[in-house]
C-alpha atoms as a PDB file:
ATOM      1  CA  MET A   1      -0.035   0.015   0.011  1.00  0.00           C
ATOM      2  CA  ALA A   2       3.101   2.417   0.307  1.00  0.00           C
ATOM      3  CA  ARG A   3       2.619   3.150  -3.316  1.00  0.00           C
ATOM      4  CA  HIS A   4      -0.589   4.950  -2.633  1.00  0.00           C
ATOM      5  CA  ASP A   5       0.881   7.879  -0.877  1.00  0.00           C
ATOM      6  CA  HIS A   6       0.476  11.001  -2.978  1.00  0.00           C
ATOM      7  CA  ALA A   7       2.054  13.321  -5.407  1.00  0.00           C
ATOM      8  CA  THR A   8       2.570  16.687  -7.253  1.00  0.00           C
ATOM      9  CA  PRO A   9       0.934  18.956 -10.101  1.00  0.00           C
ATOM     10  CA  ILE A  10       1.759  22.345 -11.930  1.00  0.00           C
ATOM     11  CA  VAL A  11      -0.109  24.520 -14.296  1.00  0.00           C
ATOM     12  CA  ALA A  12       0.440  24.139 -17.978  1.00  0.00           C
ATOM     13  CA  GLY A  13       1.637  27.013 -20.148  1.00  0.00           C
ATOM     14  CA  SER A  14      -0.191  30.330 -21.093  1.00  0.00           C
ATOM     15  CA  ARG A  15      -1.999  28.716 -24.159  1.00  0.00           C
ATOM     16  CA  PRO A  16      -5.508  27.977 -23.116  1.00  0.00           C
ATOM     17  CA  ILE A  17      -6.339  24.190 -22.963  1.00  0.00           C
ATOM     18  CA  ASP A  18      -9.809  22.951 -23.968  1.00  0.00           C
ATOM     19  CA  ALA A  19     -11.395  20.288 -21.788  1.00  0.00           C
ATOM     20  CA  SER A  20     -11.365  17.906 -24.645  1.00  0.00           C
ATOM     21  CA  ASP A  21      -7.559  18.209 -24.736  1.00  0.00           C
ATOM     22  CA  THR A  22      -7.136  17.137 -21.172  1.00  0.00           C
ATOM     23  CA  ILE A  23      -7.658  13.917 -19.014  1.00  0.00           C
ATOM     24  CA  THR A  24      -9.067  14.054 -15.600  1.00  0.00           C
ATOM     25  CA  LEU A  25      -6.929  12.369 -12.885  1.00  0.00           C
ATOM     26  CA  TRP A  26      -7.629  11.733  -9.283  1.00  0.00           C
ATOM     27  CA  ARG A  27      -5.332  11.217  -6.335  1.00  0.00           C
ATOM     28  CA  PRO A  28      -5.973   9.943  -2.710  1.00  0.00           C
ATOM     29  CA  THR A  29      -3.842  12.422  -0.559  1.00  0.00           C
ATOM     30  CA  GLY A  30      -2.761  12.495   2.922  1.00  0.00           C
ATOM     31  CA  GLN A  31      -2.392  15.629   5.022  1.00  0.00           C
ATOM     32  CA  ALA A  32       1.365  16.017   4.618  1.00  0.00           C
ATOM     33  CA  GLU A  33       1.180  15.771   0.843  1.00  0.00           C
ATOM     34  CA  LEU A  34      -1.806  18.084   0.701  1.00  0.00           C
ATOM     35  CA  ASP A  35       0.056  20.641   2.743  1.00  0.00           C
ATOM     36  CA  LEU A  36       2.926  20.544   0.143  1.00  0.00           C
ATOM     37  CA  VAL A  37       0.537  20.910  -2.605  1.00  0.00           C
ATOM     38  CA  ALA A  38      -1.009  24.013  -0.924  1.00  0.00           C
ATOM     39  CA  ALA A  39       2.457  25.443  -0.444  1.00  0.00           C
ATOM     40  CA  SER A  40       2.882  25.168  -4.157  1.00  0.00           C
ATOM     41  CA  GLY A  41      -0.115  27.392  -4.705  1.00  0.00           C
ATOM     42  CA  TRP A  42      -2.165  24.265  -5.705  1.00  0.00           C
ATOM     43  CA  ARG A  43      -0.051  23.940  -8.929  1.00  0.00           C
ATOM     44  CA  THR A  44       2.310  21.085  -8.236  1.00  0.00           C
ATOM     45  CA  TRP A  45       2.744  17.696  -6.543  1.00  0.00           C
ATOM     46  CA  PRO A  46       5.857  17.408  -4.410  1.00  0.00           C
ATOM     47  CA  PRO A  47       8.741  15.220  -5.332  1.00  0.00           C
ATOM     48  CA  ARG A  48       8.694  11.464  -4.402  1.00  0.00           C
ATOM     49  CA  LEU A  49      10.632  10.262  -1.473  1.00  0.00           C
ATOM     50  CA  PRO A  50      13.461   7.856  -2.029  1.00  0.00           C
ATOM     51  CA  ASP A  51      11.267   4.890  -1.276  1.00  0.00           C
ATOM     52  CA  GLN A  52       8.624   6.090  -3.593  1.00  0.00           C
ATOM     53  CA  PRO A  53       9.823   5.297  -7.162  1.00  0.00           C
ATOM     54  CA  ILE A  54       6.307   5.659  -8.874  1.00  0.00           C
ATOM     55  CA  PHE A  55       3.660   8.321  -8.734  1.00  0.00           C
ATOM     56  CA  TYR A  56       0.146   6.822  -9.118  1.00  0.00           C
ATOM     57  CA  PRO A  57      -2.631   8.983 -10.220  1.00  0.00           C
ATOM     58  CA  VAL A  58      -5.950   7.184 -10.791  1.00  0.00           C
ATOM     59  CA  LEU A  59      -8.537   7.521 -13.368  1.00  0.00           C
ATOM     60  CA  ASN A  60     -11.894   7.832 -11.449  1.00  0.00           C
ATOM     61  CA  ARG A  61     -13.163   9.328  -8.180  1.00  0.00           C
ATOM     62  CA  TRP A  62     -14.508   5.948  -6.889  1.00  0.00           C
ATOM     63  CA  TYR A  63     -11.031   4.427  -6.922  1.00  0.00           C
ATOM     64  CA  ALA A  64      -9.429   7.645  -5.201  1.00  0.00           C
ATOM     65  CA  THR A  65     -12.114   7.592  -2.608  1.00  0.00           C
ATOM     66  CA  LYS A  66     -11.651   3.967  -1.874  1.00  0.00           C
ATOM     67  CA  ILE A  67      -7.992   4.384  -1.242  1.00  0.00           C
ATOM     68  CA  THR A  68      -8.471   7.537   0.784  1.00  0.00           C
ATOM     69  CA  ARG A  69     -10.973   5.903   3.094  1.00  0.00           C
ATOM     70  CA  GLU A  70      -9.219   2.724   3.481  1.00  0.00           C
ATOM     71  CA  TRP A  71      -5.636   3.835   3.530  1.00  0.00           C
ATOM     72  CA  ASN A  72      -5.113   7.440   4.330  1.00  0.00           C
ATOM     73  CA  VAL A  73      -7.762   7.897   6.985  1.00  0.00           C
ATOM     74  CA  PRO A  74      -6.702   4.972   9.054  1.00  0.00           C
ATOM     75  CA  ALA A  75      -3.079   5.960   8.727  1.00  0.00           C
ATOM     76  CA  GLY A  76      -3.401   9.641   9.545  1.00  0.00           C
ATOM     77  CA  GLY A  77      -7.031  10.342  10.741  1.00  0.00           C
ATOM     78  CA  VAL A  78      -7.781  12.369   7.602  1.00  0.00           C
ATOM     79  CA  GLY A  79      -7.710  11.856   3.712  1.00  0.00           C
ATOM     80  CA  TYR A  80      -8.369  13.862   0.868  1.00  0.00           C
ATOM     81  CA  VAL A  81      -9.651  13.056  -2.696  1.00  0.00           C
ATOM     82  CA  THR A  82      -8.018  15.452  -5.155  1.00  0.00           C
ATOM     83  CA  ARG A  83      -8.558  16.128  -8.900  1.00  0.00           C
ATOM     84  CA  PHE A  84      -6.534  17.620 -11.666  1.00  0.00           C
ATOM     85  CA  GLU A  85      -6.325  17.889 -15.504  1.00  0.00           C
ATOM     86  CA  VAL A  86      -3.337  16.743 -17.532  1.00  0.00           C
ATOM     87  CA  GLN A  87      -2.813  17.439 -21.236  1.00  0.00           C
ATOM     88  CA  ARG A  88      -4.048  14.444 -23.157  1.00  0.00           C
ATOM     89  CA  ALA A  89      -1.153  14.521 -25.659  1.00  0.00           C
ATOM     90  CA  TYR A  90       1.380  14.278 -22.766  1.00  0.00           C
ATOM     91  CA  LEU A  91      -0.390  11.220 -21.039  1.00  0.00           C
ATOM     92  CA  ASP A  92      -0.585   9.403 -24.423  1.00  0.00           C
ATOM     93  CA  ARG A  93       2.942   8.199 -23.841  1.00  0.00           C
ATOM     94  CA  TYR A  94       1.898   6.271 -20.742  1.00  0.00           C
ATOM     95  CA  GLU A  95      -0.008   2.996 -20.428  1.00  0.00           C
ATOM     96  CA  VAL A  96      -3.258   2.824 -18.260  1.00  0.00           C
ATOM     97  CA  HIS A  97      -2.729  -0.009 -15.761  1.00  0.00           C
ATOM     98  CA  GLN A  98      -5.767  -2.099 -14.440  1.00  0.00           C
ATOM     99  CA  ALA A  99      -4.529  -2.917 -10.930  1.00  0.00           C
ATOM    100  CA  GLY A 100      -7.668  -4.904  -9.978  1.00  0.00           C
ATOM    101  CA  GLY A 101     -11.275  -4.773 -11.129  1.00  0.00           C
ATOM    102  CA  ARG A 102     -12.701  -2.955 -13.975  1.00  0.00           C
ATOM    103  CA  ASP A 103     -12.668   0.481 -12.395  1.00  0.00           C
ATOM    104  CA  VAL A 104      -9.233  -0.016 -10.670  1.00  0.00           C
ATOM    105  CA  LEU A 105      -7.294   2.020 -13.235  1.00  0.00           C
ATOM    106  CA  GLU A 106      -4.176   4.101 -12.816  1.00  0.00           C
ATOM    107  CA  TYR A 107      -1.091   5.534 -14.449  1.00  0.00           C
ATOM    108  CA  TRP A 108       2.366   4.638 -13.308  1.00  0.00           C
ATOM    109  CA  ILE A 109       4.622   7.777 -13.612  1.00  0.00           C
ATOM    110  CA  PRO A 110       8.307   7.299 -12.813  1.00  0.00           C
ATOM    111  CA  ALA A 111       9.381   9.606  -9.870  1.00  0.00           C
ATOM    112  CA  GLU A 112      11.986  11.263 -12.108  1.00  0.00           C
ATOM    113  CA  GLU A 113       9.241  12.295 -14.609  1.00  0.00           C
ATOM    114  CA  LEU A 114       7.027  13.793 -12.119  1.00  0.00           C
ATOM    115  CA  ALA A 115       8.247  17.415 -12.797  1.00  0.00           C
ATOM    116  CA  ASP A 116       7.388  16.892 -16.404  1.00  0.00           C
ATOM    117  CA  LEU A 117       4.037  15.683 -15.542  1.00  0.00           C
ATOM    118  CA  ASN A 118       3.523  18.803 -13.380  1.00  0.00           C
ATOM    119  CA  ALA A 119       4.493  20.979 -16.265  1.00  0.00           C
ATOM    120  CA  HIS A 120       1.627  19.479 -18.241  1.00  0.00           C
ATOM    121  CA  ILE A 121      -1.207  19.991 -15.751  1.00  0.00           C
ATOM    122  CA  ALA A 122      -3.903  22.268 -16.862  1.00  0.00           C
ATOM    123  CA  GLY A 123      -5.289  24.536 -14.094  1.00  0.00           C
ATOM    124  CA  VAL A 124      -4.975  23.945 -10.377  1.00  0.00           C
ATOM    125  CA  ILE A 125      -5.149  20.824  -8.291  1.00  0.00           C
ATOM    126  CA  ARG A 126      -8.519  20.688  -6.495  1.00  0.00           C
ATOM    127  CA  GLU A 127      -9.603  19.223  -3.193  1.00  0.00           C
ATOM    128  CA  GLU A 128     -12.793  17.409  -4.082  1.00  0.00           C
ATOM    129  CA  ALA A 129     -13.444  15.683  -0.736  1.00  0.00           C
ATOM    130  CA  ASP A 130     -12.172  15.471   2.810  1.00  0.00           C
ATOM    131  CA  TYR A 131     -12.787  12.253   4.814  1.00  0.00           C
ATOM    132  CA  ARG A 132     -12.164  11.997   8.556  1.00  0.00           C
ATOM    133  CA  GLY A 133     -11.670   9.295  11.183  1.00  0.00           C
ATOM    134  CA  PRO A 134     -14.042   8.493  14.167  1.00  0.00           C
ATOM    135  CA  VAL A 135     -15.175  11.431  16.474  1.00  0.00           C
ATOM    136  CA  SER A 136     -14.606  10.837  20.104  1.00  0.00           C
ATOM    137  CA  ASP A 137     -17.301   9.864  22.630  1.00  0.00           C
ATOM    138  CA  GLN A 138     -16.441  13.176  24.580  1.00  0.00           C
ATOM    139  CA  GLU A 139     -17.740  15.368  21.759  1.00  0.00           C
ATOM    140  CA  PHE A 140     -21.084  13.662  21.903  1.00  0.00           C
ATOM    141  CA  THR A 141     -21.117  13.858  25.713  1.00  0.00           C
ATOM    142  CA  GLU A 142     -20.491  17.642  25.409  1.00  0.00           C
ATOM    143  CA  ALA A 143     -23.217  17.925  22.825  1.00  0.00           C
ATOM    144  CA  HIS A 144     -25.731  15.939  24.974  1.00  0.00           C
ATOM    145  CA  ASP A 145     -25.013  18.145  27.950  1.00  0.00           C
ATOM    146  CA  ALA A 146     -25.451  21.346  25.907  1.00  0.00           C
ATOM    147  CA  LEU A 147     -28.564  20.315  24.025  1.00  0.00           C
ATOM    148  CA  GLY A 148     -30.237  18.536  26.936  1.00  0.00           C
ATOM    149  CA  ARG A 149     -30.745  15.662  24.535  1.00  0.00           C
ATOM    150  CA  ALA A 150     -28.764  13.182  22.539  1.00  0.00           C
ATOM    151  CA  LEU A 151     -28.028  13.667  18.865  1.00  0.00           C
ATOM    152  CA  PRO A 152     -29.616  11.019  16.755  1.00  0.00           C
ATOM    153  CA  ALA A 153     -28.005   7.508  16.983  1.00  0.00           C
ATOM    154  CA  ALA A 154     -27.600   7.281  13.171  1.00  0.00           C
ATOM    155  CA  TRP A 155     -25.470  10.526  13.194  1.00  0.00           C
ATOM    156  CA  ARG A 156     -23.393   9.352  16.107  1.00  0.00           C
ATOM    157  CA  ALA A 157     -22.756   5.979  14.265  1.00  0.00           C
ATOM    158  CA  TYR A 158     -21.787   7.772  11.104  1.00  0.00           C
ATOM    159  CA  LEU A 159     -19.278  10.099  12.662  1.00  0.00           C
ATOM    160  CA  GLN A 160     -17.824   7.336  14.746  1.00  0.00           C
ATOM    161  CA  GLY A 161     -17.504   5.013  11.882  1.00  0.00           C
ATOM    162  CA  GLU A 162     -14.075   4.155  10.189  1.00  0.00           C
ATOM    163  CA  SER A 163     -14.400   7.202   7.880  1.00  0.00           C
ATOM    164  CA  TRP A 164     -16.885   9.834   7.306  1.00  0.00           C
ATOM    165  CA  PHE A 165     -17.284  12.481   4.711  1.00  0.00           C
ATOM    166  CA  ARG A 166     -16.245  15.784   6.182  1.00  0.00           C
ATOM    167  CA  ARG A 167     -16.535  18.175   3.234  1.00  0.00           C
ATOM    168  CA  GLY A 168     -16.510  18.385  -0.497  1.00  0.00           C
ATOM    169  CA  TRP A 169     -18.355  18.319  -3.839  1.00  0.00           C
ATOM    170  CA  MET A 170     -21.288  15.894  -4.532  1.00  0.00           C
ATOM    171  CA  THR A 171     -21.591  14.478  -8.029  1.00  0.00           C
ATOM    172  CA  GLY A 172     -23.732  17.401  -8.901  1.00  0.00           C
ATOM    173  CA  ASP A 173     -23.244  20.975  -8.099  1.00  0.00           C
ATOM    174  CA  ALA A 174     -23.622  20.799  -4.209  1.00  0.00           C
ATOM    175  CA  TYR A 175     -20.719  21.523  -1.974  1.00  0.00           C
ATOM    176  CA  VAL A 176     -21.360  20.168   1.458  1.00  0.00           C
ATOM    177  CA  TRP A 177     -19.501  20.595   4.739  1.00  0.00           C
ATOM    178  CA  LEU A 178     -20.463  18.514   7.940  1.00  0.00           C
ATOM    179  CA  ASN A 179     -19.734  19.471  11.407  1.00  0.00           C
ATOM    180  CA  THR A 180     -18.506  17.468  14.396  1.00  0.00           C
ATOM    181  CA  PRO A 181     -20.498  17.915  17.572  1.00  0.00           C
ATOM    182  CA  ARG A 182     -17.875  20.295  19.030  1.00  0.00           C
ATOM    183  CA  GLU A 183     -18.006  22.560  15.939  1.00  0.00           C
ATOM    184  CA  MET A 184     -21.756  22.345  16.077  1.00  0.00           C
ATOM    185  CA  LEU A 185     -21.581  23.933  19.564  1.00  0.00           C
ATOM    186  CA  GLU A 186     -19.195  26.656  18.424  1.00  0.00           C
ATOM    187  CA  LEU A 187     -21.587  27.565  15.637  1.00  0.00           C
ATOM    188  CA  HIS A 188     -24.503  27.648  18.145  1.00  0.00           C
ATOM    189  CA  HIS A 189     -22.463  29.974  20.449  1.00  0.00           C
ATOM    190  CA  ALA A 190     -21.511  32.320  17.466  1.00  0.00           C
ATOM    191  CA  TRP A 191     -25.140  32.254  16.145  1.00  0.00           C
ATOM    192  CA  ASP A 192     -26.388  32.808  19.558  1.00  0.00           C
ATOM    193  CA  GLU A 193     -29.276  35.159  18.845  1.00  0.00           C
ATOM    194  CA  SER A 194     -30.650  33.120  15.957  1.00  0.00           C
ATOM    195  CA  THR A 195     -29.944  29.862  17.773  1.00  0.00           C
ATOM    196  CA  SER A 196     -32.576  31.056  20.446  1.00  0.00           C
ATOM    197  CA  LEU A 197     -35.058  31.589  17.592  1.00  0.00           C
ATOM    198  CA  HIS A 198     -34.720  27.999  16.540  1.00  0.00           C
ATOM    199  CA  PRO A 199     -35.617  25.867  19.537  1.00  0.00           C
ATOM    200  CA  GLY A 200     -34.305  22.299  19.200  1.00  0.00           C
ATOM    201  CA  ILE A 201     -31.828  23.233  16.519  1.00  0.00           C
ATOM    202  CA  ALA A 202     -28.601  21.234  15.876  1.00  0.00           C
ATOM    203  CA  ILE A 203     -26.302  22.619  13.169  1.00  0.00           C
ATOM    204  CA  ILE A 204     -24.795  19.609  11.562  1.00  0.00           C
ATOM    205  CA  GLY A 205     -23.368  21.045   8.467  1.00  0.00           C
ATOM    206  CA  GLY A 206     -23.972  23.428   5.708  1.00  0.00           C
ATOM    207  CA  ASP A 207     -22.764  24.655   2.115  1.00  0.00           C
ATOM    208  CA  GLY A 208     -19.630  26.305   3.517  1.00  0.00           C
ATOM    209  CA  SER A 209     -21.211  29.665   3.360  1.00  0.00           C
ATOM    210  CA  ARG A 210     -24.634  31.095   4.444  1.00  0.00           C
ATOM    211  CA  GLU A 211     -26.789  28.044   4.420  1.00  0.00           C
ATOM    212  CA  GLN A 212     -26.884  25.650   7.446  1.00  0.00           C
ATOM    213  CA  LEU A 213     -27.985  22.060   7.454  1.00  0.00           C
ATOM    214  CA  VAL A 214     -29.684  21.533  10.865  1.00  0.00           C
ATOM    215  CA  LEU A 215     -31.693  18.970  12.655  1.00  0.00           C
ATOM    216  CA  ASP A 216     -35.059  20.049  14.195  1.00  0.00           C
ATOM    217  CA  LEU A 217     -34.774  18.079  17.392  1.00  0.00           C
ATOM    218  CA  ARG A 218     -38.311  19.021  18.451  1.00  0.00           C
ATOM    219  CA  SER A 219     -39.521  15.804  16.809  1.00  0.00           C
ATOM    220  CA  ASP A 220     -38.232  12.240  16.690  1.00  0.00           C
ATOM    221  CA  PRO A 221     -36.863  11.482  14.213  1.00  0.00           C
ATOM    222  CA  GLY A 222     -35.814  14.997  13.564  1.00  0.00           C
ATOM    223  CA  PRO A 223     -35.987  16.139   9.961  1.00  0.00           C
ATOM    224  CA  VAL A 224     -33.055  17.684   8.315  1.00  0.00           C
ATOM    225  CA  MET A 225     -33.716  21.292   7.419  1.00  0.00           C
ATOM    226  CA  LEU A 226     -31.944  24.179   5.490  1.00  0.00           C
ATOM    227  CA  VAL A 227     -31.698  27.502   7.419  1.00  0.00           C
ATOM    228  CA  ASP A 228     -30.020  30.671   6.286  1.00  0.00           C
ATOM    229  CA  ILE A 229     -27.798  32.438   8.714  1.00  0.00           C
ATOM    230  CA  ALA A 230     -30.230  35.410   8.732  1.00  0.00           C
ATOM    231  CA  SER A 231     -33.245  33.327   9.520  1.00  0.00           C
ATOM    232  CA  SER A 232     -35.551  34.488  12.248  1.00  0.00           C
ATOM    233  CA  GLY A 233     -37.248  31.218  12.938  1.00  0.00           C
ATOM    234  CA  TRP A 234     -38.299  27.796  11.753  1.00  0.00           C
ATOM    235  CA  ASP A 235     -41.083  29.155   9.303  1.00  0.00           C
ATOM    236  CA  SER A 236     -38.485  29.884   6.794  1.00  0.00           C
ATOM    237  CA  ALA A 237     -36.590  26.594   7.056  1.00  0.00           C
ATOM    238  CA  ILE A 238     -36.758  24.271   3.931  1.00  0.00           C
ATOM    239  CA  ARG A 239     -36.956  20.441   4.454  1.00  0.00           C
ATOM    240  CA  GLN A 240     -33.959  18.538   3.038  1.00  0.00           C
ATOM    241  CA  ALA A 241     -34.470  14.978   4.350  1.00  0.00           C
ATOM    242  CA  ASP A 242     -36.967  13.221   6.597  1.00  0.00           C
ATOM    243  CA  ASP A 243     -34.246  12.255   8.919  1.00  0.00           C
ATOM    244  CA  VAL A 244     -30.437  12.204   9.312  1.00  0.00           C
ATOM    245  CA  GLY A 245     -30.156   8.705   8.078  1.00  0.00           C
ATOM    246  CA  GLU A 246     -31.569   9.764   4.684  1.00  0.00           C
ATOM    247  CA  LEU A 247     -29.146  12.626   4.581  1.00  0.00           C
ATOM    248  CA  ILE A 248     -26.176  10.265   5.236  1.00  0.00           C
ATOM    249  CA  ASP A 249     -27.326   7.797   2.487  1.00  0.00           C
ATOM    250  CA  ARG A 250     -27.573  10.589  -0.038  1.00  0.00           C
ATOM    251  CA  ILE A 251     -24.162  12.049   0.916  1.00  0.00           C
ATOM    252  CA  GLU A 252     -22.531   8.666   0.703  1.00  0.00           C
ATOM    253  CA  ALA A 253     -23.964   8.086  -2.691  1.00  0.00           C
ATOM    254  CA  GLY A 254     -22.927  11.708  -3.705  1.00  0.00           C
ATOM    255  CA  THR A 255     -26.355  12.444  -4.785  1.00  0.00           C
ATOM    256  CA  PHE A 256     -27.314  15.068  -2.112  1.00  0.00           C
ATOM    257  CA  ALA A 257     -28.370  18.367  -3.508  1.00  0.00           C
ATOM    258  CA  PHE A 258     -29.658  21.383  -1.609  1.00  0.00           C
ATOM    259  CA  ASP A 259     -33.251  22.273  -2.054  1.00  0.00           C
ATOM    260  CA  PHE A 260     -33.659  26.033  -1.884  1.00  0.00           C
ATOM    261  CA  GLY A 261     -37.212  26.050  -2.756  1.00  0.00           C
ATOM    262  CA  ASP A 262     -38.455  27.531  -6.008  1.00  0.00           C
ATOM    263  CA  SER A 263     -35.295  27.970  -7.940  1.00  0.00           C
ATOM    264  CA  ARG A 264     -36.857  30.710 -10.028  1.00  0.00           C
ATOM    265  CA  THR A 265     -37.338  32.872  -6.870  1.00  0.00           C
ATOM    266  CA  PRO A 266     -34.788  33.393  -4.191  1.00  0.00           C
ATOM    267  CA  VAL A 267     -36.064  32.095  -0.777  1.00  0.00           C
ATOM    268  CA  SER A 268     -35.411  34.401   2.155  1.00  0.00           C
ATOM    269  CA  GLY A 269     -32.847  36.160   0.178  1.00  0.00           C
ATOM    270  CA  ARG A 270     -31.061  32.945  -1.045  1.00  0.00           C
ATOM    271  CA  THR A 271     -29.235  32.947  -4.174  1.00  0.00           C
ATOM    272  CA  ARG A 272     -27.028  30.341  -5.521  1.00  0.00           C
ATOM    273  CA  PRO A 273     -23.814  30.938  -7.585  1.00  0.00           C
ATOM    274  CA  SER A 274     -23.270  28.756 -10.623  1.00  0.00           C
ATOM    275  CA  ARG A 275     -20.941  25.921 -10.519  1.00  0.00           C
ATOM    276  CA  ARG A 276     -18.520  28.037 -12.649  1.00  0.00           C
ATOM    277  CA  ILE A 277     -18.441  30.819 -10.107  1.00  0.00           C
ATOM    278  CA  GLN A 278     -18.103  28.281  -7.269  1.00  0.00           C
ATOM    279  CA  ALA A 279     -15.091  26.821  -9.064  1.00  0.00           C
ATOM    280  CA  LEU A 280     -13.522  30.411  -9.585  1.00  0.00           C
ATOM    281  CA  LEU A 281     -13.812  30.937  -5.963  1.00  0.00           C
ATOM    282  CA  HIS A 282     -12.500  27.574  -5.180  1.00  0.00           C
ATOM    283  CA  ASP A 283      -9.398  28.284  -7.189  1.00  0.00           C
ATOM    284  CA  ALA A 284      -8.948  31.631  -5.372  1.00  0.00           C
ATOM    285  CA  ARG A 285      -7.276  29.507  -2.581  1.00  0.00           C
ATOM    286  CA  ALA A 286      -4.141  29.366  -4.615  1.00  0.00           C
ATOM    287  CA  GLU A 287      -3.842  33.036  -4.209  1.00  0.00           C
ATOM    288  CA  HIS A 288      -5.286  33.686  -0.689  1.00  0.00           C
ATOM    289  CA  CYS A 289      -5.020  30.561   1.449  1.00  0.00           C
ATOM    290  CA  ASP A 290      -2.227  28.055   1.952  1.00  0.00           C
ATOM    291  CA  SER A 291      -4.284  24.994   3.030  1.00  0.00           C
ATOM    292  CA  CYS A 292      -7.970  25.793   2.598  1.00  0.00           C
ATOM    293  CA  ILE A 293     -10.782  26.133   0.173  1.00  0.00           C
ATOM    294  CA  ASP A 294     -12.217  29.573  -0.266  1.00  0.00           C
ATOM    295  CA  VAL A 295     -15.907  29.240  -0.106  1.00  0.00           C
ATOM    296  CA  ARG A 296     -16.936  32.820   0.281  1.00  0.00           C
ATOM    297  CA  LEU A 297     -19.581  32.103  -2.294  1.00  0.00           C
ATOM    298  CA  THR A 298     -21.792  35.080  -1.432  1.00  0.00           C
ATOM    299  CA  GLY A 299     -19.204  37.733  -1.853  1.00  0.00           C
ATOM    300  CA  ARG A 300     -20.195  39.081   1.588  1.00  0.00           C
ATOM    301  CA  ARG A 301     -17.660  40.199   4.142  1.00  0.00           C
ATOM    302  CA  THR A 302     -17.849  39.645   7.750  1.00  0.00           C
ATOM    303  CA  ALA A 303     -17.001  42.485  10.263  1.00  0.00           C
ATOM    304  CA  PRO A 304     -13.560  41.831  11.751  1.00  0.00           C
ATOM    305  CA  GLY A 305     -13.645  41.056  15.345  1.00  0.00           C
ATOM    306  CA  SER A 306     -17.328  40.043  15.357  1.00  0.00           C
ATOM    307  CA  ALA A 307     -18.556  36.821  16.885  1.00  0.00           C
ATOM    308  CA  ARG A 308     -19.605  35.611  13.615  1.00  0.00           C
ATOM    309  CA  ALA A 309     -16.002  36.136  12.185  1.00  0.00           C
ATOM    310  CA  THR A 310     -14.743  33.431  14.440  1.00  0.00           C
ATOM    311  CA  VAL A 311     -16.312  30.365  12.829  1.00  0.00           C
ATOM    312  CA  ARG A 312     -16.660  29.015   9.467  1.00  0.00           C
ATOM    313  CA  GLY A 313     -19.946  29.852   7.421  1.00  0.00           C
ATOM    314  CA  PHE A 314     -19.938  33.664   7.833  1.00  0.00           C
ATOM    315  CA  GLY A 315     -18.001  35.035   4.846  1.00  0.00           C
ATOM    316  CA  LEU A 316     -14.578  33.737   5.921  1.00  0.00           C
ATOM    317  CA  CYS A 317     -12.442  31.374   3.956  1.00  0.00           C
ATOM    318  CA  MET A 318     -11.768  28.089   5.443  1.00  0.00           C
ATOM    319  CA  ARG A 319      -8.364  28.916   6.946  1.00  0.00           C
ATOM    320  CA  CYS A 320      -9.612  31.998   8.818  1.00  0.00           C
ATOM    321  CA  GLU A 321     -12.559  30.298  10.318  1.00  0.00           C
ATOM    322  CA  LEU A 322     -10.896  29.183  13.580  1.00  0.00           C
ATOM    323  CA  PRO A 323     -12.067  30.601  17.005  1.00  0.00           C
ATOM    324  CA  GLY A 324      -9.925  33.540  17.520  1.00  0.00           C
ATOM    325  CA  ALA A 325      -9.571  34.614  13.888  1.00  0.00           C
ATOM    326  CA  SER A 326     -10.727  38.152  13.452  1.00  0.00           C
ATOM    327  CA  THR A 327     -10.363  38.718   9.763  1.00  0.00           C
ATOM    328  CA  CYS A 328     -10.489  36.791   6.472  1.00  0.00           C
ATOM    329  CA  CYS A 329      -7.188  36.420   4.721  1.00  0.00           C
ATOM    330  CA  VAL A 330      -8.607  37.782   1.575  1.00  0.00           C
ATOM    331  CA  ASP A 331      -9.231  40.928   3.393  1.00  0.00           C
ATOM    332  CA  THR A 332      -5.863  41.343   5.086  1.00  0.00           C
ATOM    333  CA  GLY A 333      -3.877  40.092   2.129  1.00  0.00           C
ATOM    334  CA  ARG A 334      -2.209  37.420   4.266  1.00  0.00           C
END
């Protein structure tokens, strides 16, 4: 399994590359390698180590996800699925290897040719998904004490499984971020006034921006609802799933999509950027953030020093979301 640790990409030259001229490659990536990719501006994969003579990009998301969840997460507690485009004419010199079943396909790039591969990458390396290892019992105990009730058993079983989907793109246009119980409580604290207007709320995720995926624990099973950060109560919430088990199934299948109500008319001020705009903002991380995805999808800025500026979901990029952060790196030029 050592061959599956991960590698390096760079952007191709100035000539525009059409999508038909490229091949999409995927790579299961550990934290250390992702940090090096981020340090390169999301442009190149780092050199192979002496005991890593081959770089193994794979040809589909399924295979990359399988390795990430079965190898990277157990080894380091976190694993990433990354995607990048390489010029087709360059890859034509390499054979596609079938390392198992029909979909277990990969390229074998000698370590000494990795820099050349990097030079033929079109665009940036993208983090498509982030998977994490089991959440501790302590976090669920803290959540129980704060909420006065237990989170659903299905949610606990999912977050305490061998690996769970932390954040990333679904197969469609949806970008989903899930919260640990501790992060949920931090969001409840930062969103204090609005939280009090939603009795029984548990913020279990969101779209990385304004929209929060929440449980309505006033009923059992609690439905999964979509609530905007400016919501003044449950009346404007939009049902997403009948229970958290249904949400988990759709996320695992990659089919979850946010329901914003009538797509022709914004609901409670909701507007959704196109996938193209989301991708542009996603790529902004190469300029603004060393190790995060910029998901400031609404273009809104959060007042420095405000309570909402200390957690993800209120206009800050993912690096500047941490408690104690007062500004966004895009605003400060860090």
